[in-house]
């Protein structure tokens, strides 16, 4: 069963060994955990619905509570404390385009706002209702989850937009195909959500980002339906798919999408290597990214992440052995771990592995085989469950990310880490901060940062600590010319930082399109563009 106030399946528990707790206490400080509000307690705070009855709409308090928040740190503070400011007034479950049209018509007549809801995995506030005199209707797309068509000649699959990652891949796997889009939220996030937020999967180096596999689809907008034909290419003016990618529910509700799929690969392997320091590792992965070798993934952890990841996973013995072994080989002071993946045909992979290995060794890497890489592969969708355990031990965890050109990777990553490490000093609090490069391109890379800090007994104080850290990092990203989001989208948390990237004219263009498709402002107010 899905957790109502945390991440994932409530039957999955991420154990945190005593050594990991001791590690955090040394790094951040001791904590005194305190209990969260119960589901029953929070349920009692749900106000009466302001929506008139409709056959598709559920207005029960439990349903509205379960759709009130996503997975951002502010969402966790609200859910765990029970201090949820706003709830949707109802939740609808459409099963076809006609249902969606009916709900848009209903929202117009009821003067209600309407929020499209995929898997509820947003970490930047995409699905949260905002304070308003108007009621809010959340449209849960989970019943639109079927494979509609598979064109094996063209390798195009059409799915309804509410299909989750596991269900989509299972339908394709049975027929010998794969999409290969694996964000960390893969267990619960949806195809429509990936498109609406311009998602990027862990192996996008091989399978492509969402803009690469999104061939076409269908939206229901307040002014009528919009169908995007799945053409292989077109020079017939601007590509309308690009307007829908990253639109975050402001322009319409995606009901189905046609995606480009591939044959299931013969082989997939993950390997590990170590570098003596961060700068050497960054230069090496840049060389690999610009070599055009057919890898599926490159993920380079800085020294702090290399240590912290293993310690929190209870691998202190492995850390100890690695420190001794790497130290003897001259890699012991600030080792950085690289996980890299190879995907495809067996014969090609053998050649690719040799060529990648030779390139990495020439750049100072120590190759250590596939044991650590396979450990990462097996746990990659399990690791997010650690967030539940850390919270219950008294620690809050959040992530942020950006992308910059290679010329700026070192300076930007250093500045972001410094901003977060100093962000709570005047409050006499510490943050444990670490980072990795998660996606590589010929011209740059994504910097993905995790920060852990102590919860306060007062939820408002915990939120204040997060706000201080988030603002410090976001302002640093903008100052260094990075995107405010490489893969998480904008939502409400990043909306204040969008204008520096888009510019005045660009923001005006986005707003003009929004006003044309949604002149009454029904859809997902406050998200992306920051209006209310």
Protein backbone atom coordinates (compact mmCIF):
# COMPACT_ATOMS: atom_id res chain seq x y z
CA UNK A 1 0.00 0.00 0.00
CA UNK A 2 1.23 3.51 -0.83
CA UNK A 3 2.47 5.65 2.06
CA UNK A 4 0.24 8.60 2.72
CA UNK A 5 2.95 10.81 4.23
CA UNK A 6 6.24 9.62 2.73
CA UNK A 7 7.86 7.81 -0.12
CA UNK A 8 6.76 4.58 -1.71
CA UNK A 9 5.24 1.30 -0.61
CA UNK A 10 4.71 1.25 3.16
CA UNK A 11 5.78 -2.42 3.27
CA UNK A 12 9.32 -1.43 2.22
CA UNK A 13 11.59 -0.29 5.02
CA UNK A 14 15.14 0.95 4.54
CA UNK A 15 17.10 -0.15 7.62
CA UNK A 16 19.63 2.33 8.94
CA UNK A 17 22.42 0.63 10.90
CA UNK A 18 23.78 2.07 14.13
CA UNK A 19 27.01 2.99 12.36
CA UNK A 20 25.06 5.18 9.91
CA UNK A 21 23.31 6.99 12.75
CA UNK A 22 26.67 7.58 14.43
CA UNK A 23 28.05 8.89 11.14
CA UNK A 24 25.22 11.44 10.88
CA UNK A 25 25.58 12.47 14.49
CA UNK A 26 29.25 13.23 13.91
CA UNK A 27 28.54 15.12 10.69
CA UNK A 28 25.40 17.05 11.64
CA UNK A 29 24.67 16.55 15.34
CA UNK A 30 22.57 14.38 17.58
CA UNK A 31 18.79 14.46 17.28
CA UNK A 32 15.81 13.72 19.47
CA UNK A 33 13.18 12.15 17.17
CA UNK A 34 9.54 12.94 17.83
CA UNK A 35 6.36 11.36 16.45
CA UNK A 36 4.44 12.52 13.40
CA UNK A 37 0.74 13.30 13.22
CA UNK A 38 -1.39 10.23 12.51
CA UNK A 39 -3.57 9.79 9.45
CA UNK A 40 -6.65 10.01 11.69
CA UNK A 41 -5.46 13.26 13.24
CA UNK A 42 -4.78 14.89 9.89
CA UNK A 43 -8.02 13.56 8.41
CA UNK A 44 -9.95 15.45 11.08
CA UNK A 45 -8.56 18.75 9.74
CA UNK A 46 -9.94 18.35 6.20
CA UNK A 47 -12.65 21.01 5.71
CA UNK A 48 -15.94 20.52 3.92
CA UNK A 49 -15.76 20.45 0.13
CA UNK A 50 -16.86 23.52 -1.81
CA UNK A 51 -17.69 21.55 -4.96
CA UNK A 52 -21.18 20.63 -6.17
CA UNK A 53 -21.76 16.88 -6.73
CA UNK A 54 -20.56 15.29 -9.96
CA UNK A 55 -20.58 11.58 -10.85
CA UNK A 56 -16.81 11.52 -11.51
CA UNK A 57 -15.77 13.43 -8.39
CA UNK A 58 -14.97 11.98 -4.97
CA UNK A 59 -15.16 14.53 -2.14
CA UNK A 60 -14.44 12.26 0.83
CA UNK A 61 -11.85 13.63 3.30
CA UNK A 62 -9.54 10.62 2.89
CA UNK A 63 -9.34 10.93 -0.89
CA UNK A 64 -8.66 14.65 -0.65
CA UNK A 65 -5.94 14.18 1.97
CA UNK A 66 -4.20 11.55 -0.18
CA UNK A 67 -4.02 14.07 -3.05
CA UNK A 68 -3.12 17.16 -1.02
CA UNK A 69 0.65 17.10 -1.38
CA UNK A 70 3.55 15.64 -3.34
CA UNK A 71 7.08 14.65 -2.30
CA UNK A 72 8.90 17.95 -1.79
CA UNK A 73 10.45 18.73 1.59
CA UNK A 74 7.73 21.34 2.34
CA UNK A 75 5.16 18.66 1.45
CA UNK A 76 6.73 16.27 3.96
CA UNK A 77 6.77 18.92 6.68
CA UNK A 78 3.06 19.60 6.08
CA UNK A 79 2.02 15.94 5.93
CA UNK A 80 4.14 14.75 8.86
CA UNK A 81 3.09 17.64 11.11
CA UNK A 82 -0.53 17.62 9.99
CA UNK A 83 -0.30 21.34 9.20
CA UNK A 84 -1.71 21.24 5.69
CA UNK A 85 -2.93 24.66 4.67
CA UNK A 86 -5.03 23.71 1.64
CA UNK A 87 -6.72 20.52 0.43
CA UNK A 88 -8.31 19.86 -2.96
CA UNK A 89 -12.08 20.05 -2.75
CA UNK A 90 -12.51 16.86 -4.74
CA UNK A 91 -10.68 14.20 -6.74
CA UNK A 92 -11.84 12.93 -10.13
CA UNK A 93 -10.78 9.75 -11.95
CA UNK A 94 -11.47 10.12 -15.69
CA UNK A 95 -11.33 7.02 -17.88
CA UNK A 96 -11.40 8.62 -21.35
CA UNK A 97 -11.14 11.92 -23.22
CA UNK A 98 -14.85 12.58 -22.84
CA UNK A 99 -14.54 12.41 -19.06
CA UNK A 100 -11.73 14.96 -19.15
CA UNK A 101 -13.79 17.29 -21.32
CA UNK A 102 -16.67 16.90 -18.91
CA UNK A 103 -14.44 17.86 -15.99
CA UNK A 104 -13.08 20.90 -17.80
CA UNK A 105 -16.65 22.01 -18.50
CA UNK A 106 -17.61 21.35 -14.88
CA UNK A 107 -14.62 23.35 -13.59
CA UNK A 108 -15.60 26.30 -15.78
CA UNK A 109 -19.19 26.21 -14.53
CA UNK A 110 -18.10 25.79 -10.90
CA UNK A 111 -15.42 28.50 -11.21
CA UNK A 112 -12.94 25.93 -9.94
CA UNK A 113 -9.24 25.40 -10.49
CA UNK A 114 -8.17 22.06 -11.90
CA UNK A 115 -4.89 20.24 -11.14
CA UNK A 116 -3.71 17.30 -13.31
CA UNK A 117 -2.29 14.54 -11.08
CA UNK A 118 -0.05 11.69 -12.28
CA UNK A 119 1.83 9.66 -9.69
CA UNK A 120 2.04 12.32 -7.00
CA UNK A 121 5.85 12.23 -7.10
CA UNK A 122 6.56 15.92 -7.74
CA UNK A 123 9.36 17.33 -5.61
CA UNK A 124 8.80 21.00 -6.46
CA UNK A 125 5.09 21.59 -5.75
CA UNK A 126 3.44 20.73 -9.09
CA UNK A 127 0.30 19.13 -7.65
CA UNK A 128 -0.39 21.27 -4.58
CA UNK A 129 -3.61 23.31 -4.39
CA UNK A 130 -2.95 26.92 -3.46
CA UNK A 131 -4.97 29.18 -1.15
CA UNK A 132 -7.89 30.63 -3.12
CA UNK A 133 -11.50 31.66 -2.81
CA UNK A 134 -12.14 29.27 -5.69
CA UNK A 135 -12.46 25.51 -5.09
CA UNK A 136 -9.83 23.12 -6.47
CA UNK A 137 -10.45 19.85 -8.32
CA UNK A 138 -7.60 17.35 -8.63
CA UNK A 139 -7.82 15.13 -11.73
CA UNK A 140 -6.11 11.81 -11.00
CA UNK A 141 -5.09 10.14 -14.28
CA UNK A 142 -4.39 6.68 -12.84
CA UNK A 143 -7.40 5.04 -14.55
CA UNK A 144 -6.04 6.09 -17.95
CA UNK A 145 -3.26 3.50 -17.91
CA UNK A 146 -3.59 1.22 -20.94
CA UNK A 147 -1.47 0.36 -23.95
CA UNK A 148 -3.56 1.53 -26.90
CA UNK A 149 -1.41 0.51 -29.83
CA UNK A 150 2.03 -0.86 -30.69
CA UNK A 151 3.23 -0.19 -34.23
CA UNK A 152 6.10 -2.68 -34.45
CA UNK A 153 7.01 -1.60 -37.97
CA UNK A 154 7.62 1.97 -36.84
CA UNK A 155 8.45 1.06 -33.23
CA UNK A 156 5.89 3.48 -31.88
CA UNK A 157 3.80 2.65 -28.82
CA UNK A 158 0.76 4.66 -27.76
CA UNK A 159 -0.17 4.61 -24.08
CA UNK A 160 -2.70 6.43 -21.98
CA UNK A 161 -0.94 9.10 -19.96
CA UNK A 162 -1.62 7.73 -16.49
CA UNK A 163 0.45 4.56 -16.97
CA UNK A 164 3.27 4.19 -14.43
CA UNK A 165 6.86 3.26 -15.26
CA UNK A 166 6.66 -0.40 -14.16
CA UNK A 167 3.35 -1.01 -15.95
CA UNK A 168 4.58 0.62 -19.15
CA UNK A 169 7.79 -1.40 -19.20
CA UNK A 170 5.96 -4.63 -18.41
CA UNK A 171 3.62 -4.16 -21.39
CA UNK A 172 6.58 -3.47 -23.64
CA UNK A 173 8.74 -6.28 -22.22
CA UNK A 174 6.09 -8.88 -23.05
CA UNK A 175 6.43 -7.85 -26.68
CA UNK A 176 10.23 -7.62 -26.76
CA UNK A 177 10.58 -3.84 -26.39
CA UNK A 178 11.74 -1.27 -23.86
CA UNK A 179 11.40 2.48 -23.36
CA UNK A 180 14.26 2.69 -20.86
CA UNK A 181 13.11 5.81 -19.02
CA UNK A 182 14.19 5.27 -15.41
CA UNK A 183 13.93 8.35 -13.19
CA UNK A 184 14.38 7.62 -9.49
CA UNK A 185 10.59 8.05 -9.13
CA UNK A 186 10.06 5.29 -11.73
CA UNK A 187 7.99 3.07 -9.41
CA UNK A 188 5.15 5.59 -9.22
CA UNK A 189 5.63 8.40 -11.75
CA UNK A 190 3.63 8.39 -14.98
CA UNK A 191 4.15 8.89 -18.68
CA UNK A 192 2.06 12.06 -18.68
CA UNK A 193 4.01 13.40 -15.72
CA UNK A 194 7.32 12.71 -17.45
CA UNK A 195 6.19 14.72 -20.47
CA UNK A 196 4.68 17.56 -18.44
CA UNK A 197 7.89 18.03 -16.45
CA UNK A 198 10.53 17.21 -19.11
CA UNK A 199 11.78 14.27 -17.10
CA UNK A 200 15.15 12.60 -17.56
CA UNK A 201 15.89 8.96 -16.71
CA UNK A 202 19.06 7.56 -15.18
CA UNK A 203 20.12 5.96 -18.49
CA UNK A 204 19.16 8.81 -20.79
CA UNK A 205 22.68 8.66 -22.25
CA UNK A 206 21.50 5.58 -24.19
CA UNK A 207 17.68 5.64 -24.18
CA UNK A 208 17.26 9.41 -24.51
CA UNK A 209 15.46 12.07 -22.55
CA UNK A 210 11.71 12.54 -22.76
CA UNK A 211 12.04 14.98 -25.66
CA UNK A 212 13.79 12.22 -27.61
CA UNK A 213 11.10 9.55 -27.17
CA UNK A 214 7.93 11.72 -27.08
CA UNK A 215 6.71 11.41 -30.67
CA UNK A 216 3.20 12.82 -30.33
CA UNK A 217 0.03 12.66 -28.29
CA UNK A 218 -3.28 14.14 -27.32
CA UNK A 219 -4.28 16.93 -24.92
CA UNK A 220 -7.61 18.18 -23.75
CA UNK A 221 -7.39 21.96 -23.35
CA UNK A 222 -10.02 24.41 -22.08
CA UNK A 223 -10.57 25.63 -25.66
CA UNK A 224 -10.67 22.20 -27.29
CA UNK A 225 -8.66 19.07 -28.06
CA UNK A 226 -5.12 19.20 -29.44
CA UNK A 227 -3.66 16.21 -31.27
CA UNK A 228 0.05 16.05 -32.07
CA UNK A 229 0.75 13.54 -34.88
CA UNK A 230 3.78 11.26 -34.34
CA UNK A 231 5.88 12.39 -37.30
CA UNK A 232 9.53 11.30 -37.54
CA UNK A 233 10.49 14.89 -38.38
CA UNK A 234 8.86 18.07 -39.63
CA UNK A 235 9.92 21.50 -40.87
CA UNK A 236 6.34 22.77 -40.80
CA UNK A 237 6.95 25.61 -38.38
CA UNK A 238 7.70 25.38 -34.64
CA UNK A 239 7.31 21.93 -33.09
CA UNK A 240 4.17 22.02 -30.94
CA UNK A 241 5.45 19.08 -28.90
CA UNK A 242 8.04 21.44 -27.42
CA UNK A 243 5.24 23.61 -26.02
CA UNK A 244 3.72 20.62 -24.26
CA UNK A 245 7.02 19.27 -22.91
CA UNK A 246 7.53 20.94 -19.55
CA UNK A 247 4.13 22.69 -19.61
CA UNK A 248 3.30 21.34 -16.12
CA UNK A 249 -0.45 21.12 -16.65
CA UNK A 250 -0.83 24.81 -17.55
CA UNK A 251 -1.83 24.29 -21.19
CA UNK A 252 -4.00 21.18 -21.04
CA UNK A 253 -4.32 17.66 -19.71
CA UNK A 254 -2.29 15.02 -21.53
CA UNK A 255 -4.49 11.96 -22.01
CA UNK A 256 -2.26 9.79 -24.22
CA UNK A 257 1.16 9.82 -25.77
CA UNK A 258 2.97 8.04 -28.57
CA UNK A 259 6.53 7.09 -27.68
CA UNK A 260 9.53 5.74 -29.57
CA UNK A 261 10.55 2.33 -28.22
CA UNK A 262 13.53 0.03 -28.78
CA UNK A 263 14.21 -3.68 -28.84
CA UNK A 264 15.12 -5.11 -25.45
CA UNK A 265 18.94 -5.01 -25.23
CA UNK A 266 20.88 -8.26 -25.17
CA UNK A 267 23.12 -7.18 -22.32
CA UNK A 268 23.19 -4.52 -19.64
CA UNK A 269 26.08 -4.15 -17.19
CA UNK A 270 27.18 -1.57 -14.64
CA UNK A 271 30.79 -1.05 -13.59
CA UNK A 272 32.68 1.12 -11.13
CA UNK A 273 35.94 3.05 -11.12
CA UNK A 274 37.67 5.45 -8.76
CA UNK A 275 39.53 8.70 -9.30
CA UNK A 276 42.00 10.41 -6.97
CA UNK A 277 39.97 13.61 -6.77
CA UNK A 278 36.90 15.41 -8.10
CA UNK A 279 38.66 17.54 -10.70
CA UNK A 280 40.38 14.52 -12.26
CA UNK A 281 37.08 12.64 -12.36
CA UNK A 282 35.21 15.53 -13.96
CA UNK A 283 37.81 15.89 -16.70
CA UNK A 284 37.70 12.14 -17.33
CA UNK A 285 33.92 11.88 -17.70
CA UNK A 286 33.97 14.92 -19.96
CA UNK A 287 36.42 13.09 -22.20
CA UNK A 288 34.15 10.03 -22.24
CA UNK A 289 31.04 12.10 -22.96
CA UNK A 290 32.78 13.81 -25.88
CA UNK A 291 34.13 10.54 -27.27
CA UNK A 292 30.69 9.40 -28.48
CA UNK A 293 31.20 5.92 -27.04
CA UNK A 294 27.82 4.12 -26.69
CA UNK A 295 27.41 4.03 -22.91
CA UNK A 296 24.02 4.11 -21.19
CA UNK A 297 25.05 5.96 -18.03
CA UNK A 298 27.83 7.91 -16.34
CA UNK A 299 27.45 8.92 -12.69
CA UNK A 300 30.41 10.52 -10.91
CA UNK A 301 30.17 11.05 -7.12
CA UNK A 302 32.26 13.63 -5.31
CA UNK A 303 34.35 12.47 -2.31
CA UNK A 304 31.65 13.26 0.24
CA UNK A 305 28.97 11.37 -1.67
CA UNK A 306 31.34 8.45 -2.26
CA UNK A 307 31.78 8.07 1.50
CA UNK A 308 28.26 8.99 2.63
CA UNK A 309 26.45 6.69 0.21
CA UNK A 310 28.36 3.66 1.44
CA UNK A 311 28.10 4.63 5.12
CA UNK A 312 24.33 5.20 5.06
CA UNK A 313 23.89 1.90 3.25
CA UNK A 314 25.63 0.14 6.13
CA UNK A 315 28.71 -0.60 4.06
CA UNK A 316 31.20 0.67 6.64
CA UNK A 317 33.33 -2.47 6.20
CA UNK A 318 33.45 -1.80 2.47
CA UNK A 319 34.39 1.82 3.21
CA UNK A 320 37.19 0.65 5.49
CA UNK A 321 38.49 -1.84 2.94
CA UNK A 322 38.21 0.71 0.15
CA UNK A 323 40.09 3.32 2.17
CA UNK A 324 42.92 0.91 2.88
CA UNK A 325 43.05 -0.51 -0.64
CA UNK A 326 42.68 2.83 -2.39
CA UNK A 327 45.20 4.38 -0.01
CA UNK A 328 47.82 1.78 -0.88
CA UNK A 329 47.26 2.55 -4.56
CA UNK A 330 47.45 6.30 -4.06
CA UNK A 331 43.69 6.95 -4.30
CA UNK A 332 42.96 7.33 -0.61
CA UNK A 333 42.70 11.05 0.20
CA UNK A 334 39.62 12.21 -1.75
CA UNK A 335 38.44 9.25 -3.86
CA UNK A 336 35.55 9.82 -6.25
CA UNK A 337 33.47 6.88 -7.44
CA UNK A 338 32.21 6.54 -10.99
CA UNK A 339 29.36 4.19 -11.90
CA UNK A 340 29.02 3.62 -15.62
CA UNK A 341 26.59 1.50 -17.60
CA UNK A 342 26.86 -0.35 -20.89
CA UNK A 343 23.73 -1.40 -22.73
CA UNK A 344 23.15 -3.06 -26.09
CA UNK A 345 24.45 -5.95 -28.20
CA UNK A 346 26.91 -8.34 -26.57
CA UNK A 347 29.65 -8.00 -29.20
CA UNK A 348 29.48 -4.21 -29.33
CA UNK A 349 29.54 -4.00 -25.54
CA UNK A 350 32.74 -6.02 -25.31
CA UNK A 351 34.47 -3.53 -27.59
CA UNK A 352 32.89 -0.55 -25.84
CA UNK A 353 33.93 -1.79 -22.42
CA UNK A 354 37.54 -2.12 -23.58
CA UNK A 355 37.54 1.34 -25.18
CA UNK A 356 35.87 3.04 -22.20
CA UNK A 357 38.26 1.30 -19.82
CA UNK A 358 41.29 2.40 -21.82
CA UNK A 359 40.05 5.99 -21.93
CA UNK A 360 39.30 6.07 -18.19
CA UNK A 361 42.67 4.55 -17.28
CA UNK A 362 44.43 7.10 -19.44
CA UNK A 363 42.68 9.78 -17.40
CA UNK A 364 43.76 8.36 -14.05
CA UNK A 365 40.94 5.95 -13.21
CA UNK A 366 41.26 2.79 -11.17
CA UNK A 367 38.80 0.25 -12.62
CA UNK A 368 37.28 -2.08 -10.00
CA UNK A 369 34.94 -4.29 -12.03
CA UNK A 370 31.18 -4.74 -11.77
CA UNK A 371 30.50 -5.65 -8.11
CA UNK A 372 29.86 -2.08 -6.93
CA UNK A 373 28.04 -1.22 -10.16
CA UNK A 374 25.68 -4.16 -9.74
CA UNK A 375 25.08 -3.16 -6.10
CA UNK A 376 24.00 0.25 -7.36
CA UNK A 377 21.73 -1.25 -10.02
CA UNK A 378 19.92 -3.47 -7.52
CA UNK A 379 19.31 -0.66 -5.04
CA UNK A 380 18.66 2.32 -7.31
CA UNK A 381 14.88 2.36 -6.76
CA UNK A 382 15.23 1.26 -3.14
CA UNK A 383 17.51 4.11 -2.05
CA UNK A 384 14.67 6.73 -1.95
CA UNK A 385 13.12 4.74 0.91
CA UNK A 386 16.04 5.87 3.06
CA UNK A 387 14.35 9.25 3.20
CA UNK A 388 11.54 7.78 5.32
CA UNK A 389 13.99 6.22 7.76
CA UNK A 390 16.13 9.33 8.08
CA UNK A 391 13.06 11.47 8.76
CA UNK A 392 11.93 9.12 11.50
CA UNK A 393 15.44 9.30 13.01
CA UNK A 394 15.19 13.09 13.07
CA UNK A 395 16.87 14.12 9.80
CA UNK A 396 15.41 15.89 6.77
CA UNK A 397 16.73 15.16 3.27
CA UNK A 398 16.28 17.04 0.02
CA UNK A 399 17.87 17.23 -3.40
CA UNK A 400 18.32 19.86 -6.09
CA UNK A 401 19.93 19.86 -9.49
CA UNK A 402 21.07 22.01 -12.37
CA UNK A 403 22.97 21.70 -15.65
CA UNK A 404 25.85 23.86 -16.87
CA UNK A 405 28.48 23.78 -19.58
CA UNK A 406 31.69 21.83 -18.94
CA UNK A 407 33.59 25.10 -18.54
CA UNK A 408 31.43 25.86 -15.47
CA UNK A 409 30.95 22.44 -13.86
CA UNK A 410 33.78 22.67 -11.34
CA UNK A 411 33.18 26.27 -10.27
CA UNK A 412 29.38 25.88 -10.10
CA UNK A 413 29.44 22.65 -8.13
CA UNK A 414 31.95 24.13 -5.69
CA UNK A 415 29.81 27.26 -5.22
CA UNK A 416 26.58 25.30 -4.66
CA UNK A 417 28.19 23.04 -2.08
CA UNK A 418 29.68 26.03 -0.26
CA UNK A 419 26.34 27.87 -0.23
CA UNK A 420 24.60 24.87 1.32
CA UNK A 421 27.37 24.13 3.81
CA UNK A 422 27.24 27.74 5.03
CA UNK A 423 23.46 28.12 4.78
CA UNK A 424 22.62 27.34 8.41
CA UNK A 425 25.74 28.57 10.19
CA UNK A 426 24.06 31.61 11.75
CA UNK A 427 21.42 29.23 13.17
CA UNK A 428 24.22 27.14 14.70
CA UNK A 429 23.14 24.19 12.54
CA UNK A 430 25.08 22.07 10.06
CA UNK A 431 24.15 20.42 6.78
CA UNK A 432 25.76 17.34 5.26
CA UNK A 433 26.09 18.13 1.56
CA UNK A 434 27.26 15.96 -1.33
CA UNK A 435 26.90 15.80 -5.09
CA UNK A 436 27.32 13.84 -8.28
CA UNK A 437 27.25 14.45 -11.99
CA UNK A 438 24.23 12.46 -13.11
CA UNK A 439 23.80 13.14 -16.83
CA UNK A 440 26.56 13.92 -19.30
CA UNK A 441 26.34 15.72 -22.62
CA UNK A 442 28.95 16.74 -25.15
CA UNK A 443 28.71 20.35 -23.97
CA UNK A 444 28.00 19.97 -20.25
CA UNK A 445 26.60 17.98 -17.37
CA UNK A 446 23.93 17.89 -14.70
CA UNK A 447 25.01 18.55 -11.10
CA UNK A 448 22.78 16.70 -8.62
CA UNK A 449 23.10 17.73 -4.97
CA UNK A 450 21.76 16.09 -1.80
CA UNK A 451 21.64 17.84 1.57
CA UNK A 452 20.74 16.44 4.99
CA UNK A 453 20.01 18.54 8.06
CA UNK A 454 18.41 18.14 11.47
CA UNK A 455 14.66 18.48 11.87
CA UNK A 456 13.45 20.89 14.51
CA UNK A 457 10.71 20.14 17.04
CA UNK A 458 8.78 23.04 15.48
CA UNK A 459 7.69 22.21 11.89
CA UNK A 460 7.93 25.89 11.03
CA UNK A 461 11.58 25.92 12.04
CA UNK A 462 12.29 22.82 9.93
CA UNK A 463 10.67 24.57 6.96
CA UNK A 464 12.69 27.72 7.63
CA UNK A 465 15.94 25.73 7.58
CA UNK A 466 14.96 24.21 4.24
CA UNK A 467 14.00 27.60 2.82
CA UNK A 468 17.37 29.05 3.79
CA UNK A 469 19.22 26.21 2.11
CA UNK A 470 17.05 26.07 -0.99
CA UNK A 471 17.27 29.81 -1.56
CA UNK A 472 21.04 29.91 -1.07
CA UNK A 473 21.55 27.11 -3.61
CA UNK A 474 19.01 28.47 -6.12
CA UNK A 475 20.51 31.95 -6.08
CA UNK A 476 23.96 30.42 -6.58
CA UNK A 477 22.73 28.41 -9.57
CA UNK A 478 21.23 31.49 -11.22
CA UNK A 479 24.35 33.53 -10.51
CA UNK A 480 26.49 30.91 -12.27
CA UNK A 481 24.22 30.73 -15.31
CA UNK A 482 22.82 27.24 -14.64
CA UNK A 483 19.30 26.08 -15.33
CA UNK A 484 17.10 26.14 -12.26
CA UNK A 485 16.07 22.58 -13.09
CA UNK A 486 17.62 19.87 -15.24
CA UNK A 487 14.96 17.22 -14.52
CA UNK A 488 12.65 18.11 -11.61
CA UNK A 489 10.68 20.83 -13.38
CA UNK A 490 9.58 24.22 -12.04
CA UNK A 491 6.35 23.81 -10.04
CA UNK A 492 6.10 26.47 -7.34
CA UNK A 493 9.51 26.04 -5.70
CA UNK A 494 11.48 27.05 -8.81
CA UNK A 495 9.02 29.55 -10.30
CA UNK A 496 10.82 32.61 -8.79
CA UNK A 497 14.00 31.61 -10.65
CA UNK A 498 12.55 30.94 -14.10
CA UNK A 499 12.69 34.49 -15.50
CA UNK A 500 16.51 34.80 -15.44
CA UNK A 501 16.70 31.75 -17.72
CA UNK A 502 13.85 32.62 -20.09
CA UNK A 503 14.19 36.39 -20.19
CA UNK A 504 11.41 39.00 -20.35
CA UNK A 505 10.38 38.18 -23.91
CA UNK A 506 10.48 34.45 -23.26
CA UNK A 507 8.25 34.75 -20.18
CA UNK A 508 5.82 36.85 -22.21
CA UNK A 509 5.69 34.17 -24.88
CA UNK A 510 4.92 31.45 -22.33
CA UNK A 511 2.21 33.55 -20.72
CA UNK A 512 0.65 34.38 -24.10
CA UNK A 513 0.36 30.68 -24.99
CA UNK A 514 -1.12 29.92 -21.58
CA UNK A 515 -3.71 32.68 -21.92
CA UNK A 516 -4.67 31.49 -25.41
CA UNK A 517 -5.25 27.87 -24.35
CA UNK A 518 -6.63 28.61 -20.88
CA UNK A 519 -8.13 32.13 -20.98
CA UNK A 520 -10.04 31.64 -17.70
CA UNK A 521 -7.02 30.38 -15.77
CA UNK A 522 -8.56 27.03 -14.82
CA UNK A 523 -5.44 24.85 -15.01
CA UNK A 524 -2.88 24.43 -12.24
CA UNK A 525 -2.51 28.07 -11.17
CA UNK A 526 0.75 29.19 -9.60
CA UNK A 527 2.85 26.48 -11.21
CA UNK A 528 5.62 27.14 -13.74
CA UNK A 529 4.81 30.83 -14.27
CA UNK A 530 4.21 31.66 -10.62
CA UNK A 531 0.85 33.42 -11.09
CA UNK A 532 -2.13 32.76 -8.82
